[in-house]
Amino acid sequence: MSDSSPPSELSAYLQSMWHDAKGDWNKAHSIIQNIEDKKAAWVHAYLHRKEGDIGNADYWYRRAGKTRPSGSLDSEWENIVQALL
C-alpha cells in the first residue's frame, strides 16, 4: 500500500479495492464499473455504499447475490479483499 500504484499482478477487482484504500474512489469506481460479473457487482456495491448512495448500493448487492452488511465499511473492505485473494 505504500507504492504509488497497485502491483501489476493484482486483478481488476483488487486494483479497485487498492485505489479505494488509497482514497481514490473515482479511480476505484472507473476500474470496476464496466466489469459484468458478481465479484465486480460486490465491489461496485461496496463503493456506492461508501459513497452514501444506498439505493444504488442495494441494486449492486442484489446483482452480486449479497445483502448489504450492517457492519462497518472497513470490515466489509476486509471481507471483500479476503474473498478476492
PDB file of N, CA and C in Angstrom:
ATOM      1  N   MET A   1       0.811  -1.198   0.000  1.00  0.00           N
ATOM      2  CA  MET A   1       0.000   0.000   0.000  1.00  0.00           C
ATOM      3  C   MET A   1       0.859   1.270   0.000  1.00  0.00           C
ATOM      4  N   SER A   2       2.128   1.138   0.225  1.00  0.00           N
ATOM      5  CA  SER A   2       2.978   2.332   0.257  1.00  0.00           C
ATOM      6  C   SER A   2       3.401   2.788  -1.138  1.00  0.00           C
ATOM      7  N   ASP A   3       3.194   1.941  -2.153  1.00  0.00           N
ATOM      8  CA  ASP A   3       3.549   2.318  -3.520  1.00  0.00           C
ATOM      9  C   ASP A   3       2.532   3.311  -4.086  1.00  0.00           C
ATOM     10  N   SER A   4       2.919   3.982  -5.161  1.00  0.00           N
ATOM     11  CA  SER A   4       2.022   4.969  -5.773  1.00  0.00           C
ATOM     12  C   SER A   4       1.043   4.346  -6.747  1.00  0.00           C
ATOM     13  N   SER A   5       1.226   3.075  -7.069  1.00  0.00           N
ATOM     14  CA  SER A   5       0.282   2.372  -7.930  1.00  0.00           C
ATOM     15  C   SER A   5       0.196   0.919  -7.459  1.00  0.00           C
ATOM     16  N   PRO A   6      -0.923   0.250  -7.763  1.00  0.00           N
ATOM     17  CA  PRO A   6      -1.076  -1.132  -7.294  1.00  0.00           C
ATOM     18  C   PRO A   6      -0.134  -2.070  -8.030  1.00  0.00           C
ATOM     19  N   PRO A   7       0.234  -3.174  -7.395  1.00  0.00           N
ATOM     20  CA  PRO A   7       1.061  -4.164  -8.088  1.00  0.00           C
ATOM     21  C   PRO A   7       0.372  -4.638  -9.369  1.00  0.00           C
ATOM     22  N   SER A   8       1.125  -4.793 -10.418  1.00  0.00           N
ATOM     23  CA  SER A   8       0.552  -5.123 -11.726  1.00  0.00           C
ATOM     24  C   SER A   8      -0.114  -6.491 -11.753  1.00  0.00           C
ATOM     25  N   GLU A   9       0.256  -7.376 -10.855  1.00  0.00           N
ATOM     26  CA  GLU A   9      -0.326  -8.707 -10.863  1.00  0.00           C
ATOM     27  C   GLU A   9      -1.706  -8.779 -10.195  1.00  0.00           C
ATOM     28  N   LEU A  10      -2.153  -7.690  -9.605  1.00  0.00           N
ATOM     29  CA  LEU A  10      -3.474  -7.693  -8.971  1.00  0.00           C
ATOM     30  C   LEU A  10      -4.576  -7.743 -10.030  1.00  0.00           C
ATOM     31  N   SER A  11      -5.637  -8.466  -9.702  1.00  0.00           N
ATOM     32  CA  SER A  11      -6.817  -8.478 -10.568  1.00  0.00           C
ATOM     33  C   SER A  11      -7.441  -7.083 -10.590  1.00  0.00           C
ATOM     34  N   ALA A  12      -8.304  -6.841 -11.547  1.00  0.00           N
ATOM     35  CA  ALA A  12      -9.006  -5.551 -11.622  1.00  0.00           C
ATOM     36  C   ALA A  12      -9.809  -5.303 -10.345  1.00  0.00           C
ATOM     37  N   TYR A  13     -10.389  -6.361  -9.783  1.00  0.00           N
ATOM     38  CA  TYR A  13     -11.169  -6.222  -8.548  1.00  0.00           C
ATOM     39  C   TYR A  13     -10.283  -5.696  -7.422  1.00  0.00           C
ATOM     40  N   LEU A  14      -9.125  -6.334  -7.264  1.00  0.00           N
ATOM     41  CA  LEU A  14      -8.217  -5.923  -6.193  1.00  0.00           C
ATOM     42  C   LEU A  14      -7.567  -4.575  -6.483  1.00  0.00           C
ATOM     43  N   GLN A  15      -7.348  -4.259  -7.747  1.00  0.00           N
ATOM     44  CA  GLN A  15      -6.849  -2.919  -8.076  1.00  0.00           C
ATOM     45  C   GLN A  15      -7.876  -1.866  -7.654  1.00  0.00           C
ATOM     46  N   SER A  16      -9.132  -2.146  -7.900  1.00  0.00           N
ATOM     47  CA  SER A  16     -10.187  -1.222  -7.499  1.00  0.00           C
ATOM     48  C   SER A  16     -10.182  -1.023  -5.977  1.00  0.00           C
ATOM     49  N   MET A  17     -10.090  -2.120  -5.247  1.00  0.00           N
ATOM     50  CA  MET A  17     -10.070  -2.023  -3.788  1.00  0.00           C
ATOM     51  C   MET A  17      -8.806  -1.309  -3.304  1.00  0.00           C
ATOM     52  N   TRP A  18      -7.689  -1.507  -3.996  1.00  0.00           N
ATOM     53  CA  TRP A  18      -6.441  -0.830  -3.643  1.00  0.00           C
ATOM     54  C   TRP A  18      -6.624   0.681  -3.771  1.00  0.00           C
ATOM     55  N   HIS A  19      -7.198   1.116  -4.907  1.00  0.00           N
ATOM     56  CA  HIS A  19      -7.398   2.554  -5.108  1.00  0.00           C
ATOM     57  C   HIS A  19      -8.375   3.115  -4.073  1.00  0.00           C
ATOM     58  N   ASP A  20      -9.390   2.344  -3.734  1.00  0.00           N
ATOM     59  CA  ASP A  20     -10.308   2.792  -2.686  1.00  0.00           C
ATOM     60  C   ASP A  20      -9.559   2.990  -1.369  1.00  0.00           C
ATOM     61  N   ALA A  21      -8.729   2.035  -1.018  1.00  0.00           N
ATOM     62  CA  ALA A  21      -7.972   2.143   0.234  1.00  0.00           C
ATOM     63  C   ALA A  21      -7.035   3.346   0.229  1.00  0.00           C
ATOM     64  N   LYS A  22      -6.576   3.734  -0.956  1.00  0.00           N
ATOM     65  CA  LYS A  22      -5.697   4.893  -1.082  1.00  0.00           C
ATOM     66  C   LYS A  22      -6.486   6.215  -1.141  1.00  0.00           C
ATOM     67  N   GLY A  23      -7.813   6.121  -1.061  1.00  0.00           N
ATOM     68  CA  GLY A  23      -8.640   7.326  -1.036  1.00  0.00           C
ATOM     69  C   GLY A  23      -9.068   7.823  -2.403  1.00  0.00           C
ATOM     70  N   ASP A  24      -8.896   7.010  -3.431  1.00  0.00           N
ATOM     71  CA  ASP A  24      -9.270   7.426  -4.786  1.00  0.00           C
ATOM     72  C   ASP A  24     -10.520   6.669  -5.235  1.00  0.00           C
ATOM     73  N   TRP A  25     -11.673   7.086  -4.711  1.00  0.00           N
ATOM     74  CA  TRP A  25     -12.951   6.443  -5.015  1.00  0.00           C
ATOM     75  C   TRP A  25     -13.228   6.475  -6.517  1.00  0.00           C
ATOM     76  N   ASN A  26     -12.958   7.591  -7.156  1.00  0.00           N
ATOM     77  CA  ASN A  26     -13.248   7.709  -8.591  1.00  0.00           C
ATOM     78  C   ASN A  26     -12.469   6.698  -9.419  1.00  0.00           C
ATOM     79  N   LYS A  27     -11.194   6.516  -9.126  1.00  0.00           N
ATOM     80  CA  LYS A  27     -10.393   5.531  -9.856  1.00  0.00           C
ATOM     81  C   LYS A  27     -10.897   4.122  -9.563  1.00  0.00           C
ATOM     82  N   ALA A  28     -11.212   3.847  -8.303  1.00  0.00           N
ATOM     83  CA  ALA A  28     -11.740   2.533  -7.926  1.00  0.00           C
ATOM     84  C   ALA A  28     -13.016   2.240  -8.705  1.00  0.00           C
ATOM     85  N   HIS A  29     -13.884   3.219  -8.787  1.00  0.00           N
ATOM     86  CA  HIS A  29     -15.156   3.054  -9.493  1.00  0.00           C
ATOM     87  C   HIS A  29     -14.937   2.891 -10.989  1.00  0.00           C
ATOM     88  N   SER A  30     -14.030   3.668 -11.556  1.00  0.00           N
ATOM     89  CA  SER A  30     -13.809   3.586 -13.002  1.00  0.00           C
ATOM     90  C   SER A  30     -13.254   2.223 -13.413  1.00  0.00           C
ATOM     91  N   ILE A  31     -12.489   1.595 -12.552  1.00  0.00           N
ATOM     92  CA  ILE A  31     -11.942   0.269 -12.855  1.00  0.00           C
ATOM     93  C   ILE A  31     -13.048  -0.781 -12.861  1.00  0.00           C
ATOM     94  N   ILE A  32     -13.962  -0.700 -11.921  1.00  0.00           N
ATOM     95  CA  ILE A  32     -14.914  -1.785 -11.698  1.00  0.00           C
ATOM     96  C   ILE A  32     -16.229  -1.626 -12.455  1.00  0.00           C
ATOM     97  N   GLN A  33     -16.573  -0.421 -12.864  1.00  0.00           N
ATOM     98  CA  GLN A  33     -17.923  -0.161 -13.364  1.00  0.00           C
ATOM     99  C   GLN A  33     -18.290  -0.889 -14.656  1.00  0.00           C
ATOM    100  N   ASN A  34     -17.335  -1.294 -15.455  1.00  0.00           N
ATOM    101  CA  ASN A  34     -17.665  -1.956 -16.726  1.00  0.00           C
ATOM    102  C   ASN A  34     -17.418  -3.460 -16.717  1.00  0.00           C
ATOM    103  N   ILE A  35     -17.149  -4.031 -15.545  1.00  0.00           N
ATOM    104  CA  ILE A  35     -16.979  -5.480 -15.435  1.00  0.00           C
ATOM    105  C   ILE A  35     -18.331  -6.054 -15.033  1.00  0.00           C
ATOM    106  N   GLU A  36     -18.771  -7.066 -15.764  1.00  0.00           N
ATOM    107  CA  GLU A  36     -20.117  -7.608 -15.595  1.00  0.00           C
ATOM    108  C   GLU A  36     -20.117  -8.994 -14.966  1.00  0.00           C
ATOM    109  N   ASP A  37     -19.718  -9.092 -13.700  1.00  0.00           N
ATOM    110  CA  ASP A  37     -19.853 -10.363 -13.003  1.00  0.00           C
ATOM    111  C   ASP A  37     -20.173 -10.082 -11.531  1.00  0.00           C
ATOM    112  N   LYS A  38     -20.427 -11.142 -10.781  1.00  0.00           N
ATOM    113  CA  LYS A  38     -20.864 -10.973  -9.391  1.00  0.00           C
ATOM    114  C   LYS A  38     -19.782 -10.387  -8.493  1.00  0.00           C
ATOM    115  N   LYS A  39     -18.523 -10.724  -8.756  1.00  0.00           N
ATOM    116  CA  LYS A  39     -17.446 -10.148  -7.931  1.00  0.00           C
ATOM    117  C   LYS A  39     -17.374  -8.643  -8.137  1.00  0.00           C
ATOM    118  N   ALA A  40     -17.460  -8.212  -9.392  1.00  0.00           N
ATOM    119  CA  ALA A  40     -17.433  -6.774  -9.679  1.00  0.00           C
ATOM    120  C   ALA A  40     -18.649  -6.084  -9.093  1.00  0.00           C
ATOM    121  N   ALA A  41     -19.798  -6.747  -9.147  1.00  0.00           N
ATOM    122  CA  ALA A  41     -21.016  -6.161  -8.576  1.00  0.00           C
ATOM    123  C   ALA A  41     -20.853  -5.956  -7.070  1.00  0.00           C
ATOM    124  N   TRP A  42     -20.176  -6.876  -6.399  1.00  0.00           N
ATOM    125  CA  TRP A  42     -19.956  -6.740  -4.954  1.00  0.00           C
ATOM    126  C   TRP A  42     -19.057  -5.543  -4.661  1.00  0.00           C
ATOM    127  N   VAL A  43     -17.965  -5.418  -5.401  1.00  0.00           N
ATOM    128  CA  VAL A  43     -17.078  -4.260  -5.223  1.00  0.00           C
ATOM    129  C   VAL A  43     -17.844  -2.978  -5.531  1.00  0.00           C
ATOM    130  N   HIS A  44     -18.615  -3.000  -6.603  1.00  0.00           N
ATOM    131  CA  HIS A  44     -19.402  -1.838  -7.013  1.00  0.00           C
ATOM    132  C   HIS A  44     -20.391  -1.453  -5.904  1.00  0.00           C
ATOM    133  N   ALA A  45     -21.039  -2.456  -5.330  1.00  0.00           N
ATOM    134  CA  ALA A  45     -21.986  -2.211  -4.234  1.00  0.00           C
ATOM    135  C   ALA A  45     -21.292  -1.543  -3.055  1.00  0.00           C
ATOM    136  N   TYR A  46     -20.151  -2.095  -2.667  1.00  0.00           N
ATOM    137  CA  TYR A  46     -19.382  -1.524  -1.566  1.00  0.00           C
ATOM    138  C   TYR A  46     -19.038  -0.056  -1.841  1.00  0.00           C
ATOM    139  N   LEU A  47     -18.579   0.221  -3.054  1.00  0.00           N
ATOM    140  CA  LEU A  47     -18.191   1.595  -3.387  1.00  0.00           C
ATOM    141  C   LEU A  47     -19.378   2.550  -3.290  1.00  0.00           C
ATOM    142  N   HIS A  48     -20.543   2.126  -3.755  1.00  0.00           N
ATOM    143  CA  HIS A  48     -21.703   3.009  -3.656  1.00  0.00           C
ATOM    144  C   HIS A  48     -22.205   3.125  -2.222  1.00  0.00           C
ATOM    145  N   ARG A  49     -22.054   2.067  -1.431  1.00  0.00           N
ATOM    146  CA  ARG A  49     -22.380   2.168  -0.005  1.00  0.00           C
ATOM    147  C   ARG A  49     -21.464   3.194   0.647  1.00  0.00           C
ATOM    148  N   LYS A  50     -20.178   3.119   0.312  1.00  0.00           N
ATOM    149  CA  LYS A  50     -19.217   4.071   0.874  1.00  0.00           C
ATOM    150  C   LYS A  50     -19.550   5.498   0.454  1.00  0.00           C
ATOM    151  N   GLU A  51     -19.988   5.644  -0.787  1.00  0.00           N
ATOM    152  CA  GLU A  51     -20.357   6.957  -1.316  1.00  0.00           C
ATOM    153  C   GLU A  51     -21.590   7.514  -0.611  1.00  0.00           C
ATOM    154  N   GLY A  52     -22.396   6.624  -0.032  1.00  0.00           N
ATOM    155  CA  GLY A  52     -23.631   7.043   0.629  1.00  0.00           C
ATOM    156  C   GLY A  52     -24.856   6.907  -0.247  1.00  0.00           C
ATOM    157  N   ASP A  53     -24.705   6.324  -1.424  1.00  0.00           N
ATOM    158  CA  ASP A  53     -25.814   6.110  -2.360  1.00  0.00           C
ATOM    159  C   ASP A  53     -26.385   4.707  -2.105  1.00  0.00           C
ATOM    160  N   ILE A  54     -27.184   4.599  -1.045  1.00  0.00           N
ATOM    161  CA  ILE A  54     -27.655   3.303  -0.568  1.00  0.00           C
ATOM    162  C   ILE A  54     -28.583   2.622  -1.568  1.00  0.00           C
ATOM    163  N   GLY A  55     -29.428   3.369  -2.240  1.00  0.00           N
ATOM    164  CA  GLY A  55     -30.308   2.774  -3.240  1.00  0.00           C
ATOM    165  C   GLY A  55     -29.516   2.106  -4.352  1.00  0.00           C
ATOM    166  N   ASN A  56     -28.507   2.780  -4.856  1.00  0.00           N
ATOM    167  CA  ASN A  56     -27.653   2.234  -5.898  1.00  0.00           C
ATOM    168  C   ASN A  56     -26.838   1.068  -5.341  1.00  0.00           C
ATOM    169  N   ALA A  57     -26.347   1.205  -4.128  1.00  0.00           N
ATOM    170  CA  ALA A  57     -25.595   0.124  -3.494  1.00  0.00           C
ATOM    171  C   ALA A  57     -26.452  -1.135  -3.404  1.00  0.00           C
ATOM    172  N   ASP A  58     -27.694  -0.982  -2.969  1.00  0.00           N
ATOM    173  CA  ASP A  58     -28.573  -2.141  -2.836  1.00  0.00           C
ATOM    174  C   ASP A  58     -28.816  -2.821  -4.181  1.00  0.00           C
ATOM    175  N   TYR A  59     -28.930  -2.050  -5.239  1.00  0.00           N
ATOM    176  CA  TYR A  59     -29.069  -2.616  -6.582  1.00  0.00           C
ATOM    177  C   TYR A  59     -27.868  -3.515  -6.885  1.00  0.00           C
ATOM    178  N   TRP A  60     -26.663  -3.017  -6.610  1.00  0.00           N
ATOM    179  CA  TRP A  60     -25.450  -3.777  -6.898  1.00  0.00           C
ATOM    180  C   TRP A  60     -25.293  -4.966  -5.964  1.00  0.00           C
ATOM    181  N   TYR A  61     -25.715  -4.838  -4.704  1.00  0.00           N
ATOM    182  CA  TYR A  61     -25.693  -6.005  -3.813  1.00  0.00           C
ATOM    183  C   TYR A  61     -26.597  -7.107  -4.368  1.00  0.00           C
ATOM    184  N   ARG A  62     -27.771  -6.740  -4.856  1.00  0.00           N
ATOM    185  CA  ARG A  62     -28.666  -7.747  -5.457  1.00  0.00           C
ATOM    186  C   ARG A  62     -27.995  -8.404  -6.650  1.00  0.00           C
ATOM    187  N   ARG A  63     -27.350  -7.620  -7.500  1.00  0.00           N
ATOM    188  CA  ARG A  63     -26.646  -8.180  -8.670  1.00  0.00           C
ATOM    189  C   ARG A  63     -25.525  -9.129  -8.243  1.00  0.00           C
ATOM    190  N   ALA A  64     -24.933  -8.852  -7.087  1.00  0.00           N
ATOM    191  CA  ALA A  64     -23.854  -9.687  -6.563  1.00  0.00           C
ATOM    192  C   ALA A  64     -24.372 -10.911  -5.818  1.00  0.00           C
ATOM    193  N   GLY A  65     -25.681 -10.951  -5.563  1.00  0.00           N
ATOM    194  CA  GLY A  65     -26.239 -12.039  -4.770  1.00  0.00           C
ATOM    195  C   GLY A  65     -25.926 -11.894  -3.291  1.00  0.00           C
ATOM    196  N   LYS A  66     -25.768 -10.663  -2.853  1.00  0.00           N
ATOM    197  CA  LYS A  66     -25.394 -10.359  -1.465  1.00  0.00           C
ATOM    198  C   LYS A  66     -26.451  -9.469  -0.828  1.00  0.00           C
ATOM    199  N   THR A  67     -26.385  -9.388   0.477  1.00  0.00           N
ATOM    200  CA  THR A  67     -27.206  -8.460   1.251  1.00  0.00           C
ATOM    201  C   THR A  67     -26.293  -7.381   1.809  1.00  0.00           C
ATOM    202  N   ARG A  68     -26.762  -6.140   1.789  1.00  0.00           N
ATOM    203  CA  ARG A  68     -25.941  -5.051   2.338  1.00  0.00           C
ATOM    204  C   ARG A  68     -25.613  -5.363   3.796  1.00  0.00           C
ATOM    205  N   PRO A  69     -24.337  -5.353   4.145  1.00  0.00           N
ATOM    206  CA  PRO A  69     -23.960  -5.660   5.525  1.00  0.00           C
ATOM    207  C   PRO A  69     -24.302  -4.510   6.463  1.00  0.00           C
ATOM    208  N   SER A  70     -24.470  -4.849   7.719  1.00  0.00           N
ATOM    209  CA  SER A  70     -24.755  -3.817   8.716  1.00  0.00           C
ATOM    210  C   SER A  70     -23.486  -3.364   9.426  1.00  0.00           C
ATOM    211  N   GLY A  71     -22.381  -4.065   9.189  1.00  0.00           N
ATOM    212  CA  GLY A  71     -21.119  -3.711   9.827  1.00  0.00           C
ATOM    213  C   GLY A  71     -20.456  -2.506   9.182  1.00  0.00           C
ATOM    214  N   SER A  72     -19.261  -2.238   9.620  1.00  0.00           N
ATOM    215  CA  SER A  72     -18.520  -1.067   9.145  1.00  0.00           C
ATOM    216  C   SER A  72     -18.026  -1.252   7.717  1.00  0.00           C
ATOM    217  N   LEU A  73     -17.746  -0.148   7.079  1.00  0.00           N
ATOM    218  CA  LEU A  73     -17.139  -0.184   5.746  1.00  0.00           C
ATOM    219  C   LEU A  73     -15.765  -0.842   5.792  1.00  0.00           C
ATOM    220  N   ASP A  74     -15.006  -0.575   6.842  1.00  0.00           N
ATOM    221  CA  ASP A  74     -13.686  -1.197   6.977  1.00  0.00           C
ATOM    222  C   ASP A  74     -13.800  -2.715   7.040  1.00  0.00           C
ATOM    223  N   SER A  75     -14.775  -3.188   7.777  1.00  0.00           N
ATOM    224  CA  SER A  75     -14.995  -4.629   7.884  1.00  0.00           C
ATOM    225  C   SER A  75     -15.393  -5.216   6.536  1.00  0.00           C
ATOM    226  N   GLU A  76     -16.253  -4.523   5.819  1.00  0.00           N
ATOM    227  CA  GLU A  76     -16.648  -5.015   4.508  1.00  0.00           C
ATOM    228  C   GLU A  76     -15.461  -5.006   3.544  1.00  0.00           C
ATOM    229  N   TRP A  77     -14.650  -3.961   3.580  1.00  0.00           N
ATOM    230  CA  TRP A  77     -13.468  -3.906   2.727  1.00  0.00           C
ATOM    231  C   TRP A  77     -12.599  -5.137   2.962  1.00  0.00           C
ATOM    232  N   GLU A  78     -12.353  -5.439   4.235  1.00  0.00           N
ATOM    233  CA  GLU A  78     -11.544  -6.608   4.589  1.00  0.00           C
ATOM    234  C   GLU A  78     -12.165  -7.896   4.062  1.00  0.00           C
ATOM    235  N   ASN A  79     -13.476  -8.045   4.209  1.00  0.00           N
ATOM    236  CA  ASN A  79     -14.162  -9.245   3.751  1.00  0.00           C
ATOM    237  C   ASN A  79     -14.058  -9.419   2.238  1.00  0.00           C
ATOM    238  N   ILE A  80     -14.237  -8.328   1.523  1.00  0.00           N
ATOM    239  CA  ILE A  80     -14.155  -8.391   0.055  1.00  0.00           C
ATOM    240  C   ILE A  80     -12.746  -8.770  -0.372  1.00  0.00           C
ATOM    241  N   VAL A  81     -11.751  -8.097   0.173  1.00  0.00           N
ATOM    242  CA  VAL A  81     -10.368  -8.372  -0.215  1.00  0.00           C
ATOM    243  C   VAL A  81     -10.003  -9.814   0.111  1.00  0.00           C
ATOM    244  N   GLN A  82     -10.379 -10.290   1.286  1.00  0.00           N
ATOM    245  CA  GLN A  82     -10.079 -11.682   1.653  1.00  0.00           C
ATOM    246  C   GLN A  82     -10.722 -12.654   0.675  1.00  0.00           C
ATOM    247  N   ALA A  83     -11.959 -12.376   0.270  1.00  0.00           N
ATOM    248  CA  ALA A  83     -12.656 -13.249  -0.662  1.00  0.00           C
ATOM    249  C   ALA A  83     -12.016 -13.231  -2.061  1.00  0.00           C
ATOM    250  N   LEU A  84     -11.410 -12.115  -2.415  1.00  0.00           N
ATOM    251  CA  LEU A  84     -10.825 -11.977  -3.756  1.00  0.00           C
ATOM    252  C   LEU A  84      -9.379 -12.459  -3.848  1.00  0.00           C
ATOM    253  N   LEU A  85      -8.749 -12.658  -2.710  1.00  0.00           N
ATOM    254  CA  LEU A  85      -7.344 -13.128  -2.730  1.00  0.00           C
ATOM    255  C   LEU A  85      -7.256 -14.583  -3.111  1.00  0.00           C
TER     256      LEU A  85
END
